[in-house]
PDB file of N, CA and C in Angstrom:
ATOM      1  N   UNK A   1      20.504  61.718  76.239  1.00  0.00           N
ATOM      2  CA  UNK A   1      21.249  62.811  76.800  1.00  0.00           C
ATOM      3  C   UNK A   1      20.943  62.897  78.293  1.00  0.00           C
ATOM      4  N   UNK A   2      21.980  63.044  79.106  1.00  0.00           N
ATOM      5  CA  UNK A   2      21.796  63.138  80.540  1.00  0.00           C
ATOM      6  C   UNK A   2      21.398  64.570  80.931  1.00  0.00           C
ATOM      7  N   UNK A   3      20.953  64.713  82.172  1.00  0.00           N
ATOM      8  CA  UNK A   3      20.553  66.032  82.680  1.00  0.00           C
ATOM      9  C   UNK A   3      21.755  66.996  82.663  1.00  0.00           C
ATOM     10  N   UNK A   4      22.924  66.535  83.054  1.00  0.00           N
ATOM     11  CA  UNK A   4      24.111  67.385  83.041  1.00  0.00           C
ATOM     12  C   UNK A   4      24.449  67.848  81.644  1.00  0.00           C
ATOM     13  N   UNK A   5      24.334  66.972  80.675  1.00  0.00           N
ATOM     14  CA  UNK A   5      24.592  67.344  79.288  1.00  0.00           C
ATOM     15  C   UNK A   5      23.594  68.365  78.789  1.00  0.00           C
ATOM     16  N   UNK A   6      22.325  68.184  79.190  1.00  0.00           N
ATOM     17  CA  UNK A   6      21.299  69.131  78.806  1.00  0.00           C
ATOM     18  C   UNK A   6      21.571  70.522  79.417  1.00  0.00           C
ATOM     19  N   UNK A   7      21.945  70.533  80.675  1.00  0.00           N
ATOM     20  CA  UNK A   7      22.245  71.802  81.358  1.00  0.00           C
ATOM     21  C   UNK A   7      23.433  72.481  80.696  1.00  0.00           C
ATOM     22  N   UNK A   8      24.459  71.723  80.352  1.00  0.00           N
ATOM     23  CA  UNK A   8      25.659  72.261  79.686  1.00  0.00           C
ATOM     24  C   UNK A   8      25.254  72.912  78.334  1.00  0.00           C
ATOM     25  N   UNK A   9      24.418  72.208  77.590  1.00  0.00           N
ATOM     26  CA  UNK A   9      23.939  72.763  76.315  1.00  0.00           C
ATOM     27  C   UNK A   9      23.138  74.021  76.542  1.00  0.00           C
ATOM     28  N   UNK A  10      22.302  74.049  77.591  1.00  0.00           N
ATOM     29  CA  UNK A  10      21.507  75.255  77.899  1.00  0.00           C
ATOM     30  C   UNK A  10      22.367  76.439  78.226  1.00  0.00           C
ATOM     31  N   UNK A  11      23.514  76.211  78.893  1.00  0.00           N
ATOM     32  CA  UNK A  11      24.401  77.304  79.201  1.00  0.00           C
ATOM     33  C   UNK A  11      24.805  78.046  77.921  1.00  0.00           C
ATOM     34  N   UNK A  12      25.243  77.264  76.948  1.00  0.00           N
ATOM     35  CA  UNK A  12      25.739  77.832  75.689  1.00  0.00           C
ATOM     36  C   UNK A  12      24.618  78.360  74.824  1.00  0.00           C
ATOM     37  N   UNK A  13      23.593  77.580  74.646  1.00  0.00           N
ATOM     38  CA  UNK A  13      22.547  77.972  73.691  1.00  0.00           C
ATOM     39  C   UNK A  13      21.562  79.005  74.212  1.00  0.00           C
ATOM     40  N   UNK A  14      21.422  79.118  75.525  1.00  0.00           N
ATOM     41  CA  UNK A  14      20.464  80.076  76.073  1.00  0.00           C
ATOM     42  C   UNK A  14      21.151  81.181  76.875  1.00  0.00           C
ATOM     43  N   UNK A  15      21.774  80.822  77.985  1.00  0.00           N
ATOM     44  CA  UNK A  15      22.315  81.850  78.873  1.00  0.00           C
ATOM     45  C   UNK A  15      23.476  82.608  78.261  1.00  0.00           C
ATOM     46  N   UNK A  16      24.357  81.953  77.535  1.00  0.00           N
ATOM     47  CA  UNK A  16      25.486  82.608  76.944  1.00  0.00           C
ATOM     48  C   UNK A  16      25.282  82.912  75.462  1.00  0.00           C
ATOM     49  N   UNK A  17      24.040  82.895  75.025  1.00  0.00           N
ATOM     50  CA  UNK A  17      23.644  83.305  73.687  1.00  0.00           C
ATOM     51  C   UNK A  17      23.592  84.827  73.697  1.00  0.00           C
ATOM     52  N   UNK A  18      24.334  85.474  72.825  1.00  0.00           N
ATOM     53  CA  UNK A  18      24.396  86.939  72.837  1.00  0.00           C
ATOM     54  C   UNK A  18      23.117  87.595  72.370  1.00  0.00           C
ATOM     55  N   UNK A  19      22.174  86.808  71.853  1.00  0.00           N
ATOM     56  CA  UNK A  19      20.853  87.345  71.533  1.00  0.00           C
ATOM     57  C   UNK A  19      19.906  87.249  72.726  1.00  0.00           C
ATOM     58  N   UNK A  20      20.345  86.603  73.793  1.00  0.00           N
ATOM     59  CA  UNK A  20      19.502  86.411  74.969  1.00  0.00           C
ATOM     60  C   UNK A  20      20.058  87.201  76.167  1.00  0.00           C
ATOM     61  N   UNK A  21      20.959  86.587  76.942  1.00  0.00           N
ATOM     62  CA  UNK A  21      21.445  87.198  78.185  1.00  0.00           C
ATOM     63  C   UNK A  21      22.872  87.725  78.102  1.00  0.00           C
ATOM     64  N   UNK A  22      23.716  87.080  77.338  1.00  0.00           N
ATOM     65  CA  UNK A  22      25.157  87.409  77.319  1.00  0.00           C
ATOM     66  C   UNK A  22      25.480  88.526  76.349  1.00  0.00           C
ATOM     67  N   UNK A  23      26.649  89.079  76.539  1.00  0.00           N
ATOM     68  CA  UNK A  23      27.207  90.056  75.585  1.00  0.00           C
ATOM     69  C   UNK A  23      28.688  89.750  75.412  1.00  0.00           C
ATOM     70  N   UNK A  24      29.230  90.135  74.280  1.00  0.00           N
ATOM     71  CA  UNK A  24      30.640  89.855  73.981  1.00  0.00           C
ATOM     72  C   UNK A  24      31.514  90.902  74.687  1.00  0.00           C
ATOM     73  N   UNK A  25      32.580  90.388  75.326  1.00  0.00           N
ATOM     74  CA  UNK A  25      33.545  91.237  76.020  1.00  0.00           C
ATOM     75  C   UNK A  25      34.940  90.692  75.763  1.00  0.00           C
ATOM     76  N   UNK A  26      35.914  91.585  75.891  1.00  0.00           N
ATOM     77  CA  UNK A  26      37.332  91.178  75.797  1.00  0.00           C
ATOM     78  C   UNK A  26      37.742  90.689  77.193  1.00  0.00           C
ATOM     79  N   UNK A  27      38.157  89.461  77.259  1.00  0.00           N
ATOM     80  CA  UNK A  27      38.563  88.820  78.517  1.00  0.00           C
ATOM     81  C   UNK A  27      39.949  88.241  78.330  1.00  0.00           C
ATOM     82  N   UNK A  28      40.941  88.880  78.909  1.00  0.00           N
ATOM     83  CA  UNK A  28      42.308  88.392  78.752  1.00  0.00           C
ATOM     84  C   UNK A  28      42.781  88.377  77.313  1.00  0.00           C
ATOM     85  N   UNK A  29      42.327  89.329  76.519  1.00  0.00           N
ATOM     86  CA  UNK A  29      42.764  89.427  75.124  1.00  0.00           C
ATOM     87  C   UNK A  29      41.931  88.607  74.143  1.00  0.00           C
ATOM     88  N   UNK A  30      40.924  87.914  74.632  1.00  0.00           N
ATOM     89  CA  UNK A  30      40.015  87.134  73.756  1.00  0.00           C
ATOM     90  C   UNK A  30      38.593  87.637  73.886  1.00  0.00           C
ATOM     91  N   UNK A  31      37.869  87.659  72.815  1.00  0.00           N
ATOM     92  CA  UNK A  31      36.462  88.042  72.839  1.00  0.00           C
ATOM     93  C   UNK A  31      35.628  86.829  73.211  1.00  0.00           C
ATOM     94  N   UNK A  32      34.888  86.913  74.317  1.00  0.00           N
ATOM     95  CA  UNK A  32      34.081  85.807  74.795  1.00  0.00           C
ATOM     96  C   UNK A  32      32.702  86.298  75.234  1.00  0.00           C
ATOM     97  N   UNK A  33      31.692  85.411  75.178  1.00  0.00           N
ATOM     98  CA  UNK A  33      30.381  85.800  75.690  1.00  0.00           C
ATOM     99  C   UNK A  33      30.381  85.652  77.221  1.00  0.00           C
ATOM    100  N   UNK A  34      29.878  86.654  77.895  1.00  0.00           N
ATOM    101  CA  UNK A  34      29.756  86.571  79.350  1.00  0.00           C
ATOM    102  C   UNK A  34      28.587  87.414  79.815  1.00  0.00           C
ATOM    103  N   UNK A  35      28.221  87.251  81.038  1.00  0.00           N
ATOM    104  CA  UNK A  35      27.110  87.980  81.639  1.00  0.00           C
ATOM    105  C   UNK A  35      27.640  88.811  82.792  1.00  0.00           C
ATOM    106  N   UNK A  36      27.303  90.078  82.790  1.00  0.00           N
ATOM    107  CA  UNK A  36      27.613  90.954  83.940  1.00  0.00           C
ATOM    108  C   UNK A  36      26.345  91.060  84.737  1.00  0.00           C
ATOM    109  N   UNK A  37      26.411  90.596  85.989  1.00  0.00           N
ATOM    110  CA  UNK A  37      25.190  90.484  86.813  1.00  0.00           C
ATOM    111  C   UNK A  37      25.203  91.576  87.905  1.00  0.00           C
ATOM    112  N   UNK A  38      24.706  92.735  87.577  1.00  0.00           N
ATOM    113  CA  UNK A  38      24.634  93.850  88.536  1.00  0.00           C
ATOM    114  C   UNK A  38      23.619  93.591  89.634  1.00  0.00           C
ATOM    115  N   UNK A  39      22.530  92.940  89.324  1.00  0.00           N
ATOM    116  CA  UNK A  39      21.477  92.700  90.314  1.00  0.00           C
ATOM    117  C   UNK A  39      21.967  91.837  91.459  1.00  0.00           C
ATOM    118  N   UNK A  40      22.629  90.725  91.131  1.00  0.00           N
ATOM    119  CA  UNK A  40      23.142  89.826  92.190  1.00  0.00           C
ATOM    120  C   UNK A  40      24.204  90.531  93.038  1.00  0.00           C
ATOM    121  N   UNK A  41      25.051  91.323  92.410  1.00  0.00           N
ATOM    122  CA  UNK A  41      26.098  92.040  93.155  1.00  0.00           C
ATOM    123  C   UNK A  41      25.466  93.015  94.144  1.00  0.00           C
ATOM    124  N   UNK A  42      24.421  93.740  93.720  1.00  0.00           N
ATOM    125  CA  UNK A  42      23.733  94.667  94.611  1.00  0.00           C
ATOM    126  C   UNK A  42      23.132  93.939  95.798  1.00  0.00           C
ATOM    127  N   UNK A  43      22.528  92.759  95.549  1.00  0.00           N
ATOM    128  CA  UNK A  43      21.953  91.959  96.643  1.00  0.00           C
ATOM    129  C   UNK A  43      23.051  91.572  97.647  1.00  0.00           C
ATOM    130  N   UNK A  44      24.197  91.177  97.127  1.00  0.00           N
ATOM    131  CA  UNK A  44      25.319  90.789  98.001  1.00  0.00           C
ATOM    132  C   UNK A  44      25.825  91.961  98.822  1.00  0.00           C
ATOM    133  N   UNK A  45      25.859  93.122  98.226  1.00  0.00           N
ATOM    134  CA  UNK A  45      26.290  94.318  98.945  1.00  0.00           C
ATOM    135  C   UNK A  45      25.351  94.611 100.096  1.00  0.00           C
ATOM    136  N   UNK A  46      24.071  94.429  99.877  1.00  0.00           N
ATOM    137  CA  UNK A  46      23.086  94.693 100.952  1.00  0.00           C
ATOM    138  C   UNK A  46      23.215  93.663 102.076  1.00  0.00           C
ATOM    139  N   UNK A  47      23.575  92.433 101.743  1.00  0.00           N
ATOM    140  CA  UNK A  47      23.703  91.390 102.756  1.00  0.00           C
ATOM    141  C   UNK A  47      25.050  91.386 103.460  1.00  0.00           C
ATOM    142  N   UNK A  48      26.062  91.995 102.837  1.00  0.00           N
ATOM    143  CA  UNK A  48      27.409  91.967 103.391  1.00  0.00           C
ATOM    144  C   UNK A  48      27.481  92.777 104.665  1.00  0.00           C
ATOM    145  N   UNK A  49      28.357  92.328 105.549  1.00  0.00           N
ATOM    146  CA  UNK A  49      28.595  93.086 106.776  1.00  0.00           C
ATOM    147  C   UNK A  49      29.195  94.430 106.402  1.00  0.00           C
ATOM    148  N   UNK A  50      28.931  95.419 107.209  1.00  0.00           N
ATOM    149  CA  UNK A  50      29.456  96.766 106.950  1.00  0.00           C
ATOM    150  C   UNK A  50      30.972  96.696 106.802  1.00  0.00           C
ATOM    151  N   UNK A  51      31.488  97.300 105.742  1.00  0.00           N
ATOM    152  CA  UNK A  51      32.929  97.312 105.506  1.00  0.00           C
ATOM    153  C   UNK A  51      33.423  96.126 104.710  1.00  0.00           C
ATOM    154  N   UNK A  52      32.577  95.125 104.457  1.00  0.00           N
ATOM    155  CA  UNK A  52      33.001  93.996 103.674  1.00  0.00           C
ATOM    156  C   UNK A  52      32.927  94.332 102.189  1.00  0.00           C
ATOM    157  N   UNK A  53      34.010  94.136 101.491  1.00  0.00           N
ATOM    158  CA  UNK A  53      34.090  94.450 100.075  1.00  0.00           C
ATOM    159  C   UNK A  53      33.698  93.247  99.258  1.00  0.00           C
ATOM    160  N   UNK A  54      32.682  93.365  98.408  1.00  0.00           N
ATOM    161  CA  UNK A  54      32.209  92.231  97.608  1.00  0.00           C
ATOM    162  C   UNK A  54      32.576  92.383  96.121  1.00  0.00           C
ATOM    163  N   UNK A  55      33.213  93.492  95.755  1.00  0.00           N
ATOM    164  CA  UNK A  55      33.647  93.689  94.378  1.00  0.00           C
ATOM    165  C   UNK A  55      32.860  94.773  93.683  1.00  0.00           C
ATOM    166  N   UNK A  56      33.315  95.136  92.486  1.00  0.00           N
ATOM    167  CA  UNK A  56      32.682  96.164  91.697  1.00  0.00           C
ATOM    168  C   UNK A  56      31.797  95.588  90.591  1.00  0.00           C
ATOM    169  N   UNK A  57      32.160  94.395  90.109  1.00  0.00           N
ATOM    170  CA  UNK A  57      31.424  93.716  89.056  1.00  0.00           C
ATOM    171  C   UNK A  57      31.344  92.238  89.374  1.00  0.00           C
ATOM    172  N   UNK A  58      30.234  91.625  88.980  1.00  0.00           N
ATOM    173  CA  UNK A  58      30.087  90.164  89.092  1.00  0.00           C
ATOM    174  C   UNK A  58      29.867  89.659  87.676  1.00  0.00           C
ATOM    175  N   UNK A  59      30.779  88.791  87.235  1.00  0.00           N
ATOM    176  CA  UNK A  59      30.649  88.249  85.894  1.00  0.00           C
ATOM    177  C   UNK A  59      30.452  86.745  85.945  1.00  0.00           C
ATOM    178  N   UNK A  60      29.723  86.245  84.973  1.00  0.00           N
ATOM    179  CA  UNK A  60      29.484  84.830  84.798  1.00  0.00           C
ATOM    180  C   UNK A  60      30.066  84.472  83.424  1.00  0.00           C
ATOM    181  N   UNK A  61      30.922  83.441  83.423  1.00  0.00           N
ATOM    182  CA  UNK A  61      31.582  83.038  82.181  1.00  0.00           C
ATOM    183  C   UNK A  61      31.758  81.518  82.191  1.00  0.00           C
ATOM    184  N   UNK A  62      31.603  80.911  81.030  1.00  0.00           N
ATOM    185  CA  UNK A  62      31.793  79.463  80.931  1.00  0.00           C
ATOM    186  C   UNK A  62      33.249  79.132  81.195  1.00  0.00           C
ATOM    187  N   UNK A  63      33.489  78.039  81.904  1.00  0.00           N
ATOM    188  CA  UNK A  63      34.828  77.571  82.238  1.00  0.00           C
ATOM    189  C   UNK A  63      35.698  77.378  80.976  1.00  0.00           C
ATOM    190  N   UNK A  64      35.087  76.995  79.884  1.00  0.00           N
ATOM    191  CA  UNK A  64      35.834  76.696  78.668  1.00  0.00           C
ATOM    192  C   UNK A  64      36.561  77.934  78.118  1.00  0.00           C
ATOM    193  N   UNK A  65      36.190  79.113  78.555  1.00  0.00           N
ATOM    194  CA  UNK A  65      36.797  80.342  78.033  1.00  0.00           C
ATOM    195  C   UNK A  65      37.985  80.843  78.862  1.00  0.00           C
ATOM    196  N   UNK A  66      38.266  80.169  79.986  1.00  0.00           N
ATOM    197  CA  UNK A  66      39.369  80.566  80.868  1.00  0.00           C
ATOM    198  C   UNK A  66      40.265  79.353  81.079  1.00  0.00           C
ATOM    199  N   UNK A  67      41.552  79.529  80.766  1.00  0.00           N
ATOM    200  CA  UNK A  67      42.471  78.398  80.811  1.00  0.00           C
ATOM    201  C   UNK A  67      42.742  77.887  82.239  1.00  0.00           C
ATOM    202  N   UNK A  68      42.740  78.780  83.220  1.00  0.00           N
ATOM    203  CA  UNK A  68      42.991  78.386  84.596  1.00  0.00           C
ATOM    204  C   UNK A  68      42.006  79.072  85.527  1.00  0.00           C
ATOM    205  N   UNK A  69      41.601  78.369  86.561  1.00  0.00           N
ATOM    206  CA  UNK A  69      40.656  78.975  87.507  1.00  0.00           C
ATOM    207  C   UNK A  69      41.258  80.240  88.107  1.00  0.00           C
ATOM    208  N   UNK A  70      40.549  81.357  88.070  1.00  0.00           N
ATOM    209  CA  UNK A  70      41.033  82.595  88.689  1.00  0.00           C
ATOM    210  C   UNK A  70      41.119  82.431  90.198  1.00  0.00           C
ATOM    211  N   UNK A  71      42.086  83.093  90.806  1.00  0.00           N
ATOM    212  CA  UNK A  71      42.250  83.019  92.261  1.00  0.00           C
ATOM    213  C   UNK A  71      42.207  84.436  92.844  1.00  0.00           C
ATOM    214  N   UNK A  72      41.812  84.521  94.088  1.00  0.00           N
ATOM    215  CA  UNK A  72      41.661  85.800  94.772  1.00  0.00           C
ATOM    216  C   UNK A  72      42.970  86.596  94.704  1.00  0.00           C
ATOM    217  N   UNK A  73      42.839  87.878  94.359  1.00  0.00           N
ATOM    218  CA  UNK A  73      43.994  88.765  94.279  1.00  0.00           C
ATOM    219  C   UNK A  73      44.673  88.803  92.914  1.00  0.00           C
ATOM    220  N   UNK A  74      44.353  87.851  92.053  1.00  0.00           N
ATOM    221  CA  UNK A  74      44.968  87.784  90.717  1.00  0.00           C
ATOM    222  C   UNK A  74      44.514  88.956  89.851  1.00  0.00           C
ATOM    223  N   UNK A  75      45.414  89.462  89.015  1.00  0.00           N
ATOM    224  CA  UNK A  75      45.091  90.491  88.035  1.00  0.00           C
ATOM    225  C   UNK A  75      44.157  89.895  86.980  1.00  0.00           C
ATOM    226  N   UNK A  76      43.206  90.701  86.543  1.00  0.00           N
ATOM    227  CA  UNK A  76      42.165  90.213  85.633  1.00  0.00           C
ATOM    228  C   UNK A  76      41.856  91.349  84.661  1.00  0.00           C
ATOM    229  N   UNK A  77      41.949  91.081  83.366  1.00  0.00           N
ATOM    230  CA  UNK A  77      41.694  92.099  82.354  1.00  0.00           C
ATOM    231  C   UNK A  77      40.334  91.852  81.703  1.00  0.00           C
ATOM    232  N   UNK A  78      39.478  92.858  81.791  1.00  0.00           N
ATOM    233  CA  UNK A  78      38.153  92.799  81.182  1.00  0.00           C
ATOM    234  C   UNK A  78      37.948  94.077  80.391  1.00  0.00           C
ATOM    235  N   UNK A  79      37.683  93.921  79.095  1.00  0.00           N
ATOM    236  CA  UNK A  79      37.469  95.073  78.213  1.00  0.00           C
ATOM    237  C   UNK A  79      38.605  96.108  78.315  1.00  0.00           C
ATOM    238  N   UNK A  80      39.837  95.554  78.339  1.00  0.00           N
ATOM    239  CA  UNK A  80      41.074  96.350  78.368  1.00  0.00           C
ATOM    240  C   UNK A  80      41.234  97.171  79.636  1.00  0.00           C
ATOM    241  N   UNK A  81      40.475  96.875  80.684  1.00  0.00           N
ATOM    242  CA  UNK A  81      40.638  97.497  81.998  1.00  0.00           C
ATOM    243  C   UNK A  81      41.171  96.427  82.950  1.00  0.00           C
ATOM    244  N   UNK A  82      42.042  96.847  83.841  1.00  0.00           N
ATOM    245  CA  UNK A  82      42.630  95.889  84.778  1.00  0.00           C
ATOM    246  C   UNK A  82      41.871  95.916  86.093  1.00  0.00           C
ATOM    247  N   UNK A  83      41.473  94.721  86.517  1.00  0.00           N
ATOM    248  CA  UNK A  83      40.786  94.504  87.783  1.00  0.00           C
ATOM    249  C   UNK A  83      41.570  93.481  88.582  1.00  0.00           C
ATOM    250  N   UNK A  84      41.097  93.159  89.772  1.00  0.00           N
ATOM    251  CA  UNK A  84      41.646  92.044  90.543  1.00  0.00           C
ATOM    252  C   UNK A  84      40.484  91.158  91.004  1.00  0.00           C
ATOM    253  N   UNK A  85      40.771  89.895  91.161  1.00  0.00           N
ATOM    254  CA  UNK A  85      39.762  88.937  91.583  1.00  0.00           C
ATOM    255  C   UNK A  85      39.461  89.106  93.074  1.00  0.00           C
ATOM    256  N   UNK A  86      38.191  89.314  93.382  1.00  0.00           N
ATOM    257  CA  UNK A  86      37.751  89.378  94.773  1.00  0.00           C
ATOM    258  C   UNK A  86      37.352  87.979  95.258  1.00  0.00           C
ATOM    259  N   UNK A  87      36.630  87.258  94.371  1.00  0.00           N
ATOM    260  CA  UNK A  87      36.241  85.889  94.679  1.00  0.00           C
ATOM    261  C   UNK A  87      35.900  85.178  93.382  1.00  0.00           C
ATOM    262  N   UNK A  88      36.002  83.849  93.414  1.00  0.00           N
ATOM    263  CA  UNK A  88      35.665  83.047  92.248  1.00  0.00           C
ATOM    264  C   UNK A  88      35.103  81.713  92.711  1.00  0.00           C
ATOM    265  N   UNK A  89      33.966  81.305  92.144  1.00  0.00           N
ATOM    266  CA  UNK A  89      33.434  79.986  92.417  1.00  0.00           C
ATOM    267  C   UNK A  89      33.065  79.345  91.101  1.00  0.00           C
ATOM    268  N   UNK A  90      33.057  78.013  91.104  1.00  0.00           N
ATOM    269  CA  UNK A  90      32.763  77.263  89.882  1.00  0.00           C
ATOM    270  C   UNK A  90      31.722  76.208  90.192  1.00  0.00           C
ATOM    271  N   UNK A  91      30.750  76.116  89.282  1.00  0.00           N
ATOM    272  CA  UNK A  91      29.723  75.104  89.431  1.00  0.00           C
ATOM    273  C   UNK A  91      29.150  74.780  88.055  1.00  0.00           C
ATOM    274  N   UNK A  92      29.126  73.528  87.741  1.00  0.00           N
ATOM    275  CA  UNK A  92      28.512  73.030  86.507  1.00  0.00           C
ATOM    276  C   UNK A  92      29.017  73.747  85.262  1.00  0.00           C
ATOM    277  N   UNK A  93      30.343  73.959  85.181  1.00  0.00           N
ATOM    278  CA  UNK A  93      30.911  74.530  83.983  1.00  0.00           C
ATOM    279  C   UNK A  93      30.829  76.049  83.878  1.00  0.00           C
ATOM    280  N   UNK A  94      30.568  76.676  84.991  1.00  0.00           N
ATOM    281  CA  UNK A  94      30.358  78.142  85.011  1.00  0.00           C
ATOM    282  C   UNK A  94      31.198  78.760  86.128  1.00  0.00           C
ATOM    283  N   UNK A  95      31.950  79.788  85.794  1.00  0.00           N
ATOM    284  CA  UNK A  95      32.642  80.570  86.825  1.00  0.00           C
ATOM    285  C   UNK A  95      31.790  81.780  87.173  1.00  0.00           C
ATOM    286  N   UNK A  96      31.673  82.040  88.471  1.00  0.00           N
ATOM    287  CA  UNK A  96      31.077  83.260  88.957  1.00  0.00           C
ATOM    288  C   UNK A  96      32.204  84.041  89.594  1.00  0.00           C
ATOM    289  N   UNK A  97      32.556  85.179  88.994  1.00  0.00           N
ATOM    290  CA  UNK A  97      33.758  85.888  89.420  1.00  0.00           C
ATOM    291  C   UNK A  97      33.393  87.315  89.834  1.00  0.00           C
ATOM    292  N   UNK A  98      33.721  87.663  91.060  1.00  0.00           N
ATOM    293  CA  UNK A  98      33.582  89.025  91.531  1.00  0.00           C
ATOM    294  C   UNK A  98      34.924  89.705  91.346  1.00  0.00           C
ATOM    295  N   UNK A  99      34.901  90.878  90.666  1.00  0.00           N
ATOM    296  CA  UNK A  99      36.140  91.587  90.430  1.00  0.00           C
ATOM    297  C   UNK A  99      36.046  93.009  90.956  1.00  0.00           C
ATOM    298  N   UNK A 100      37.208  93.550  91.307  1.00  0.00           N
ATOM    299  CA  UNK A 100      37.267  94.891  91.847  1.00  0.00           C
ATOM    300  C   UNK A 100      38.240  95.748  91.051  1.00  0.00           C
ATOM    301  N   UNK A 101      38.074  97.042  91.206  1.00  0.00           N
ATOM    302  CA  UNK A 101      38.966  97.972  90.522  1.00  0.00           C
ATOM    303  C   UNK A 101      40.381  97.820  90.989  1.00  0.00           C
ATOM    304  N   UNK A 102      41.316  98.007  90.057  1.00  0.00           N
ATOM    305  CA  UNK A 102      42.735  97.905  90.381  1.00  0.00           C
ATOM    306  C   UNK A 102      43.081  98.954  91.436  1.00  0.00           C
ATOM    307  N   UNK A 103      43.781  98.524  92.486  1.00  0.00           N
ATOM    308  CA  UNK A 103      44.087  99.430  93.575  1.00  0.00           C
ATOM    309  C   UNK A 103      45.510  99.961  93.547  1.00  0.00           C
ATOM    310  N   UNK A 104      46.152  99.941  92.365  1.00  0.00           N
ATOM    311  CA  UNK A 104      47.521 100.465  92.314  1.00  0.00           C
ATOM    312  C   UNK A 104      47.552 101.892  91.854  1.00  0.00           C
TER     313      UNK A 104
END
């Protein structure tokens, strides 16, 4: 098994294990394990320039649970609440998505 395969397995079996770090949430009408990272979001808010909006929630979700990469400004439904994408990055099979409250 390669290092990348081992890391991919660790994502599912450890980080996205609902008995460890993840919890189940409704994401776009499907129940998926994800991590809401309040600590990292707070750090980003402290580092951000005054007036820079970094989002209301930072979620981590495996790429396999989202059919298309989210893009900035896109509508995003989490736990039956509508948000919009502030930013999205992908690395090693994981999306890190900052979302904000719907502004309509």
